Amino acid sequence: MQEVSTFRLCLLRATYLVIAVGLALMIWPRLIHHTNDWALKNGDAAGLLAGIQVLAMLGIRYPVKMIPLLLFELTWKSIWLLAIALPLWQADHLDAGTRESINACGFGVVICLVALPWPYMFRTYILARGDRWGMRAA
């Protein structure tokens, strides 16, 4: 089985680092210094993003094993861009905050598309045999 190239490993690690540092700077200060009103409105999303940030740090050490994290990033950001941002843009209802989110999500989608080792993922997630469903008889 072909391995992921050294260049691709470095690119994956750089992607995890960008995610980890970006989310650490953006999310953790809000989580640590928050109001009860903010926590009720934004606490769940901030907790999810903090979890992604922690797992991205793990991705720096295990870049291939943590590929599903980047797939999750690519998936949720693509869904948000298509289901939320695109209709708002089409209706000309974008405010400054939404434009900022579009830029951040768009950047995230692009770096995931570039960093992910697509041939490896095709071999691993499409062509490879899936895990068994039940316990084997003793």
N, C-alpha and C. Protein backbone atom coordinates (compact mmCIF):
# COMPACT_ATOMS: atom_id res chain seq x y z
N MET A 1 0.84 -1.18 0.00
CA MET A 1 0.00 0.00 0.00
C MET A 1 0.88 1.24 0.00
N GLN A 2 0.54 2.18 -0.87
CA GLN A 2 1.31 3.41 -0.95
C GLN A 2 1.10 4.25 0.31
N GLU A 3 2.17 4.85 0.74
CA GLU A 3 2.10 5.73 1.91
C GLU A 3 1.81 7.16 1.45
N VAL A 4 1.49 8.01 2.39
CA VAL A 4 1.32 9.43 2.13
C VAL A 4 2.72 10.04 2.07
N SER A 5 2.97 10.88 1.08
CA SER A 5 4.31 11.46 0.90
C SER A 5 4.69 12.35 2.08
N THR A 6 5.98 12.56 2.24
CA THR A 6 6.48 13.43 3.30
C THR A 6 5.95 14.85 3.12
N PHE A 7 5.91 15.31 1.88
CA PHE A 7 5.36 16.64 1.60
C PHE A 7 3.91 16.73 2.08
N ARG A 8 3.11 15.71 1.77
CA ARG A 8 1.70 15.71 2.16
C ARG A 8 1.56 15.65 3.68
N LEU A 9 2.43 14.88 4.36
CA LEU A 9 2.40 14.85 5.83
C LEU A 9 2.68 16.23 6.41
N CYS A 10 3.65 16.92 5.83
CA CYS A 10 3.97 18.29 6.29
C CYS A 10 2.80 19.22 6.04
N LEU A 11 2.16 19.07 4.88
CA LEU A 11 1.00 19.90 4.54
C LEU A 11 -0.16 19.63 5.49
N LEU A 12 -0.40 18.36 5.80
CA LEU A 12 -1.44 18.02 6.77
C LEU A 12 -1.12 18.62 8.13
N ARG A 13 0.12 18.49 8.57
CA ARG A 13 0.51 19.04 9.88
C ARG A 13 0.33 20.56 9.90
N ALA A 14 0.69 21.22 8.81
CA ALA A 14 0.52 22.67 8.74
C ALA A 14 -0.96 23.04 8.81
N THR A 15 -1.81 22.24 8.18
CA THR A 15 -3.25 22.49 8.21
C THR A 15 -3.79 22.34 9.63
N TYR A 16 -3.39 21.27 10.30
CA TYR A 16 -3.82 21.09 11.70
C TYR A 16 -3.32 22.24 12.56
N LEU A 17 -2.09 22.69 12.32
CA LEU A 17 -1.53 23.79 13.10
C LEU A 17 -2.33 25.07 12.88
N VAL A 18 -2.69 25.38 11.63
CA VAL A 18 -3.49 26.57 11.34
C VAL A 18 -4.84 26.49 12.06
N ILE A 19 -5.47 25.33 12.00
CA ILE A 19 -6.76 25.15 12.68
C ILE A 19 -6.59 25.31 14.19
N ALA A 20 -5.58 24.64 14.75
CA ALA A 20 -5.37 24.67 16.20
C ALA A 20 -5.08 26.08 16.70
N VAL A 21 -4.18 26.78 16.03
CA VAL A 21 -3.82 28.14 16.47
C VAL A 21 -4.98 29.10 16.24
N GLY A 22 -5.60 29.01 15.05
CA GLY A 22 -6.71 29.92 14.75
C GLY A 22 -7.86 29.77 15.73
N LEU A 23 -8.26 28.54 16.00
CA LEU A 23 -9.36 28.32 16.94
C LEU A 23 -8.95 28.66 18.37
N ALA A 24 -7.70 28.38 18.72
CA ALA A 24 -7.25 28.72 20.08
C ALA A 24 -7.34 30.23 20.32
N LEU A 25 -6.95 31.01 19.34
CA LEU A 25 -6.99 32.47 19.48
C LEU A 25 -8.43 33.00 19.44
N MET A 26 -9.29 32.34 18.69
CA MET A 26 -10.65 32.83 18.50
C MET A 26 -11.62 32.31 19.57
N ILE A 27 -11.53 31.05 19.92
CA ILE A 27 -12.56 30.41 20.75
C ILE A 27 -12.25 30.45 22.24
N TRP A 28 -11.02 30.08 22.61
CA TRP A 28 -10.74 29.94 24.04
C TRP A 28 -10.93 31.22 24.85
N PRO A 29 -10.53 32.39 24.35
CA PRO A 29 -10.81 33.60 25.14
C PRO A 29 -12.31 33.80 25.39
N ARG A 30 -13.14 33.49 24.38
CA ARG A 30 -14.59 33.62 24.54
C ARG A 30 -15.14 32.60 25.54
N LEU A 31 -14.57 31.40 25.53
CA LEU A 31 -15.04 30.38 26.47
C LEU A 31 -14.65 30.71 27.90
N ILE A 32 -13.46 31.23 28.07
CA ILE A 32 -12.96 31.53 29.42
C ILE A 32 -13.64 32.76 30.00
N HIS A 33 -13.83 33.80 29.19
CA HIS A 33 -14.42 35.07 29.66
C HIS A 33 -15.76 35.28 28.95
N HIS A 34 -16.81 34.65 29.45
CA HIS A 34 -18.11 34.77 28.80
C HIS A 34 -19.18 35.20 29.78
N THR A 35 -20.26 35.72 29.20
CA THR A 35 -21.43 36.06 30.00
C THR A 35 -22.41 34.89 29.91
N ASN A 36 -23.36 34.85 30.81
CA ASN A 36 -24.37 33.80 30.77
C ASN A 36 -25.22 33.90 29.50
N ASP A 37 -25.50 35.13 29.07
CA ASP A 37 -26.28 35.33 27.85
C ASP A 37 -25.52 34.78 26.64
N TRP A 38 -24.23 35.07 26.56
CA TRP A 38 -23.40 34.55 25.45
C TRP A 38 -23.38 33.03 25.50
N ALA A 39 -23.23 32.46 26.68
CA ALA A 39 -23.15 31.01 26.82
C ALA A 39 -24.43 30.33 26.32
N LEU A 40 -25.57 30.93 26.59
CA LEU A 40 -26.85 30.36 26.13
C LEU A 40 -26.97 30.43 24.61
N LYS A 41 -26.48 31.50 24.01
CA LYS A 41 -26.61 31.68 22.56
C LYS A 41 -25.50 30.99 21.77
N ASN A 42 -24.29 30.96 22.30
CA ASN A 42 -23.12 30.52 21.53
C ASN A 42 -22.31 29.40 22.17
N GLY A 43 -22.67 28.99 23.35
CA GLY A 43 -21.86 28.04 24.09
C GLY A 43 -21.71 26.69 23.41
N ASP A 44 -22.77 26.18 22.81
CA ASP A 44 -22.68 24.87 22.16
C ASP A 44 -21.73 24.90 20.96
N ALA A 45 -21.87 25.91 20.12
CA ALA A 45 -20.99 26.02 18.95
C ALA A 45 -19.54 26.25 19.38
N ALA A 46 -19.35 27.08 20.39
CA ALA A 46 -17.99 27.34 20.88
C ALA A 46 -17.38 26.08 21.47
N GLY A 47 -18.17 25.30 22.20
CA GLY A 47 -17.66 24.03 22.74
C GLY A 47 -17.26 23.07 21.64
N LEU A 48 -18.07 22.98 20.59
CA LEU A 48 -17.74 22.13 19.45
C LEU A 48 -16.43 22.58 18.80
N LEU A 49 -16.30 23.88 18.58
CA LEU A 49 -15.07 24.39 17.95
C LEU A 49 -13.85 24.21 18.86
N ALA A 50 -14.04 24.32 20.15
CA ALA A 50 -12.94 24.06 21.08
C ALA A 50 -12.51 22.60 21.00
N GLY A 51 -13.48 21.70 20.87
CA GLY A 51 -13.16 20.28 20.70
C GLY A 51 -12.38 20.03 19.41
N ILE A 52 -12.77 20.69 18.33
CA ILE A 52 -12.02 20.58 17.07
C ILE A 52 -10.60 21.10 17.26
N GLN A 53 -10.45 22.18 17.99
CA GLN A 53 -9.13 22.75 18.23
C GLN A 53 -8.23 21.77 18.97
N VAL A 54 -8.75 21.14 19.99
CA VAL A 54 -7.97 20.16 20.75
C VAL A 54 -7.59 18.97 19.87
N LEU A 55 -8.53 18.47 19.08
CA LEU A 55 -8.24 17.35 18.19
C LEU A 55 -7.26 17.74 17.08
N ALA A 56 -7.30 18.99 16.63
CA ALA A 56 -6.34 19.44 15.62
C ALA A 56 -4.91 19.38 16.17
N MET A 57 -4.76 19.65 17.45
CA MET A 57 -3.42 19.52 18.06
C MET A 57 -2.96 18.07 18.00
N LEU A 58 -3.87 17.14 18.19
CA LEU A 58 -3.55 15.73 18.06
C LEU A 58 -3.17 15.39 16.62
N GLY A 59 -3.81 16.07 15.66
CA GLY A 59 -3.50 15.87 14.25
C GLY A 59 -2.08 16.26 13.88
N ILE A 60 -1.48 17.17 14.62
CA ILE A 60 -0.09 17.54 14.36
C ILE A 60 0.81 16.34 14.60
N ARG A 61 0.51 15.55 15.60
CA ARG A 61 1.30 14.36 15.90
C ARG A 61 0.92 13.17 15.02
N TYR A 62 -0.38 13.02 14.75
CA TYR A 62 -0.88 11.89 13.96
C TYR A 62 -1.67 12.41 12.75
N PRO A 63 -0.97 12.95 11.76
CA PRO A 63 -1.68 13.61 10.66
C PRO A 63 -2.58 12.69 9.83
N VAL A 64 -2.18 11.45 9.62
CA VAL A 64 -2.99 10.55 8.80
C VAL A 64 -4.17 10.00 9.61
N LYS A 65 -3.92 9.64 10.85
CA LYS A 65 -5.00 9.10 11.68
C LYS A 65 -6.11 10.12 11.93
N MET A 66 -5.78 11.39 11.88
CA MET A 66 -6.76 12.43 12.16
C MET A 66 -7.40 13.01 10.89
N ILE A 67 -7.20 12.38 9.74
CA ILE A 67 -7.83 12.84 8.50
C ILE A 67 -9.35 13.00 8.65
N PRO A 68 -10.06 12.11 9.36
CA PRO A 68 -11.51 12.34 9.51
C PRO A 68 -11.86 13.70 10.11
N LEU A 69 -10.99 14.28 10.93
CA LEU A 69 -11.25 15.62 11.46
C LEU A 69 -11.28 16.63 10.32
N LEU A 70 -10.34 16.52 9.37
CA LEU A 70 -10.33 17.44 8.24
C LEU A 70 -11.53 17.19 7.32
N LEU A 71 -11.95 15.95 7.20
CA LEU A 71 -13.15 15.67 6.43
C LEU A 71 -14.38 16.30 7.09
N PHE A 72 -14.43 16.25 8.41
CA PHE A 72 -15.51 16.90 9.14
C PHE A 72 -15.49 18.41 8.90
N GLU A 73 -14.30 19.01 8.99
CA GLU A 73 -14.15 20.44 8.73
C GLU A 73 -14.63 20.79 7.33
N LEU A 74 -14.17 20.04 6.35
CA LEU A 74 -14.56 20.28 4.96
C LEU A 74 -16.07 20.14 4.80
N THR A 75 -16.65 19.14 5.43
CA THR A 75 -18.08 18.86 5.28
C THR A 75 -18.95 19.95 5.91
N TRP A 76 -18.69 20.28 7.17
CA TRP A 76 -19.58 21.25 7.83
C TRP A 76 -19.44 22.63 7.23
N LYS A 77 -18.21 22.99 6.83
CA LYS A 77 -18.03 24.32 6.24
C LYS A 77 -18.67 24.39 4.86
N SER A 78 -18.59 23.33 4.09
CA SER A 78 -19.24 23.30 2.78
C SER A 78 -20.76 23.38 2.92
N ILE A 79 -21.30 22.63 3.88
CA ILE A 79 -22.75 22.68 4.11
C ILE A 79 -23.17 24.08 4.53
N TRP A 80 -22.43 24.70 5.43
CA TRP A 80 -22.78 26.05 5.88
C TRP A 80 -22.73 27.04 4.71
N LEU A 81 -21.68 26.93 3.90
CA LEU A 81 -21.56 27.85 2.76
C LEU A 81 -22.73 27.67 1.78
N LEU A 82 -23.11 26.43 1.51
CA LEU A 82 -24.18 26.17 0.54
C LEU A 82 -25.58 26.43 1.11
N ALA A 83 -25.82 26.03 2.34
CA ALA A 83 -27.17 26.10 2.91
C ALA A 83 -27.47 27.43 3.59
N ILE A 84 -26.46 28.10 4.11
CA ILE A 84 -26.69 29.35 4.86
C ILE A 84 -26.18 30.56 4.09
N ALA A 85 -24.90 30.54 3.74
CA ALA A 85 -24.28 31.72 3.13
C ALA A 85 -24.79 31.99 1.72
N LEU A 86 -24.91 30.96 0.90
CA LEU A 86 -25.35 31.17 -0.48
C LEU A 86 -26.74 31.80 -0.57
N PRO A 87 -27.75 31.27 0.16
CA PRO A 87 -29.06 31.93 0.10
C PRO A 87 -29.03 33.38 0.61
N LEU A 88 -28.24 33.63 1.65
CA LEU A 88 -28.13 35.01 2.14
C LEU A 88 -27.49 35.91 1.09
N TRP A 89 -26.47 35.41 0.43
CA TRP A 89 -25.80 36.17 -0.63
C TRP A 89 -26.75 36.43 -1.80
N GLN A 90 -27.50 35.38 -2.19
CA GLN A 90 -28.45 35.53 -3.30
C GLN A 90 -29.55 36.54 -2.98
N ALA A 91 -29.95 36.61 -1.72
CA ALA A 91 -30.98 37.56 -1.30
C ALA A 91 -30.39 38.93 -0.94
N ASP A 92 -29.07 39.06 -1.08
CA ASP A 92 -28.36 40.31 -0.74
C ASP A 92 -28.61 40.71 0.72
N HIS A 93 -28.50 39.71 1.62
CA HIS A 93 -28.71 39.94 3.05
C HIS A 93 -27.45 39.65 3.87
N LEU A 94 -26.30 39.92 3.34
CA LEU A 94 -25.06 39.64 4.07
C LEU A 94 -24.68 40.84 4.92
N ASP A 95 -24.42 40.57 6.19
CA ASP A 95 -23.87 41.62 7.05
C ASP A 95 -22.37 41.37 7.20
N ALA A 96 -21.69 42.23 7.92
CA ALA A 96 -20.24 42.14 8.06
C ALA A 96 -19.82 40.84 8.74
N GLY A 97 -20.55 40.42 9.76
CA GLY A 97 -20.22 39.18 10.46
C GLY A 97 -20.36 37.96 9.57
N THR A 98 -21.40 37.94 8.76
CA THR A 98 -21.60 36.81 7.86
C THR A 98 -20.52 36.79 6.78
N ARG A 99 -20.16 37.94 6.27
CA ARG A 99 -19.06 38.01 5.29
C ARG A 99 -17.75 37.48 5.88
N GLU A 100 -17.50 37.82 7.14
CA GLU A 100 -16.31 37.32 7.82
C GLU A 100 -16.35 35.79 7.95
N SER A 101 -17.52 35.27 8.30
CA SER A 101 -17.68 33.81 8.40
C SER A 101 -17.51 33.15 7.03
N ILE A 102 -18.02 33.77 5.99
CA ILE A 102 -17.85 33.23 4.63
C ILE A 102 -16.38 33.16 4.28
N ASN A 103 -15.65 34.20 4.58
CA ASN A 103 -14.20 34.20 4.29
C ASN A 103 -13.48 33.11 5.07
N ALA A 104 -13.80 32.98 6.36
CA ALA A 104 -13.14 31.96 7.19
C ALA A 104 -13.50 30.56 6.71
N CYS A 105 -14.78 30.32 6.45
CA CYS A 105 -15.19 28.98 5.99
C CYS A 105 -14.64 28.68 4.60
N GLY A 106 -14.66 29.66 3.73
CA GLY A 106 -14.11 29.47 2.38
C GLY A 106 -12.64 29.13 2.43
N PHE A 107 -11.89 29.83 3.29
CA PHE A 107 -10.46 29.54 3.45
C PHE A 107 -10.28 28.13 3.99
N GLY A 108 -11.10 27.74 4.96
CA GLY A 108 -11.01 26.40 5.53
C GLY A 108 -11.29 25.32 4.50
N VAL A 109 -12.29 25.55 3.66
CA VAL A 109 -12.61 24.57 2.61
C VAL A 109 -11.43 24.44 1.64
N VAL A 110 -10.87 25.56 1.25
CA VAL A 110 -9.75 25.53 0.30
C VAL A 110 -8.55 24.80 0.89
N ILE A 111 -8.18 25.11 2.13
CA ILE A 111 -6.99 24.44 2.68
C ILE A 111 -7.22 22.95 2.89
N CYS A 112 -8.44 22.57 3.24
CA CYS A 112 -8.74 21.13 3.37
C CYS A 112 -8.68 20.44 2.02
N LEU A 113 -9.25 21.07 0.99
CA LEU A 113 -9.21 20.48 -0.35
C LEU A 113 -7.77 20.29 -0.83
N VAL A 114 -6.91 21.24 -0.52
CA VAL A 114 -5.51 21.16 -0.95
C VAL A 114 -4.72 20.18 -0.09
N ALA A 115 -4.94 20.18 1.21
CA ALA A 115 -4.11 19.38 2.12
C ALA A 115 -4.46 17.89 2.12
N LEU A 116 -5.72 17.57 1.95
CA LEU A 116 -6.11 16.16 2.07
C LEU A 116 -5.49 15.29 0.99
N PRO A 117 -4.99 14.13 1.37
CA PRO A 117 -4.37 13.20 0.40
C PRO A 117 -5.46 12.36 -0.29
N TRP A 118 -6.05 12.89 -1.34
CA TRP A 118 -7.21 12.28 -1.98
C TRP A 118 -6.97 10.86 -2.46
N PRO A 119 -5.84 10.55 -3.12
CA PRO A 119 -5.64 9.14 -3.53
C PRO A 119 -5.59 8.18 -2.34
N TYR A 120 -4.92 8.58 -1.26
CA TYR A 120 -4.87 7.76 -0.04
C TYR A 120 -6.28 7.57 0.52
N MET A 121 -7.05 8.65 0.56
CA MET A 121 -8.40 8.57 1.12
C MET A 121 -9.29 7.68 0.26
N PHE A 122 -9.15 7.74 -1.05
CA PHE A 122 -9.93 6.89 -1.93
C PHE A 122 -9.60 5.42 -1.67
N ARG A 123 -8.30 5.12 -1.55
CA ARG A 123 -7.89 3.74 -1.27
C ARG A 123 -8.38 3.28 0.10
N THR A 124 -8.29 4.16 1.08
CA THR A 124 -8.61 3.80 2.46
C THR A 124 -10.10 3.76 2.75
N TYR A 125 -10.84 4.73 2.25
CA TYR A 125 -12.25 4.85 2.63
C TYR A 125 -13.22 4.32 1.58
N ILE A 126 -12.78 4.14 0.34
CA ILE A 126 -13.67 3.67 -0.71
C ILE A 126 -13.31 2.25 -1.15
N LEU A 127 -12.05 2.03 -1.49
CA LEU A 127 -11.64 0.74 -2.02
C LEU A 127 -11.39 -0.33 -0.96
N ALA A 128 -10.89 0.09 0.19
CA ALA A 128 -10.55 -0.89 1.25
C ALA A 128 -11.82 -1.53 1.80
N ARG A 129 -11.66 -2.72 2.24
CA ARG A 129 -12.76 -3.45 2.85
C ARG A 129 -13.15 -2.79 4.18
N GLY A 130 -14.43 -2.72 4.46
CA GLY A 130 -14.89 -2.12 5.70
C GLY A 130 -14.65 -3.02 6.89
N ASP A 131 -14.77 -2.46 8.06
CA ASP A 131 -14.64 -3.24 9.29
C ASP A 131 -15.84 -4.18 9.40
N ARG A 132 -15.64 -5.29 10.09
CA ARG A 132 -16.73 -6.26 10.26
C ARG A 132 -17.78 -5.66 11.19
N TRP A 133 -18.99 -6.19 11.14
CA TRP A 133 -20.11 -5.64 11.85
C TRP A 133 -20.31 -6.24 13.24
N GLY A 134 -19.91 -7.45 13.45
CA GLY A 134 -20.18 -8.08 14.74
C GLY A 134 -18.95 -8.76 15.28
N MET A 135 -19.12 -9.42 16.40
CA MET A 135 -18.03 -10.14 17.02
C MET A 135 -17.85 -11.49 16.32
N ARG A 136 -16.63 -11.90 16.22
CA ARG A 136 -16.34 -13.20 15.65
C ARG A 136 -16.63 -14.30 16.67
N ALA A 137 -17.02 -15.45 16.15
CA ALA A 137 -17.23 -16.60 17.05
C ALA A 137 -15.89 -17.07 17.58
N ALA A 138 -15.86 -17.48 18.81
CA ALA A 138 -14.59 -17.90 19.45
C ALA A 138 -14.09 -19.21 18.92
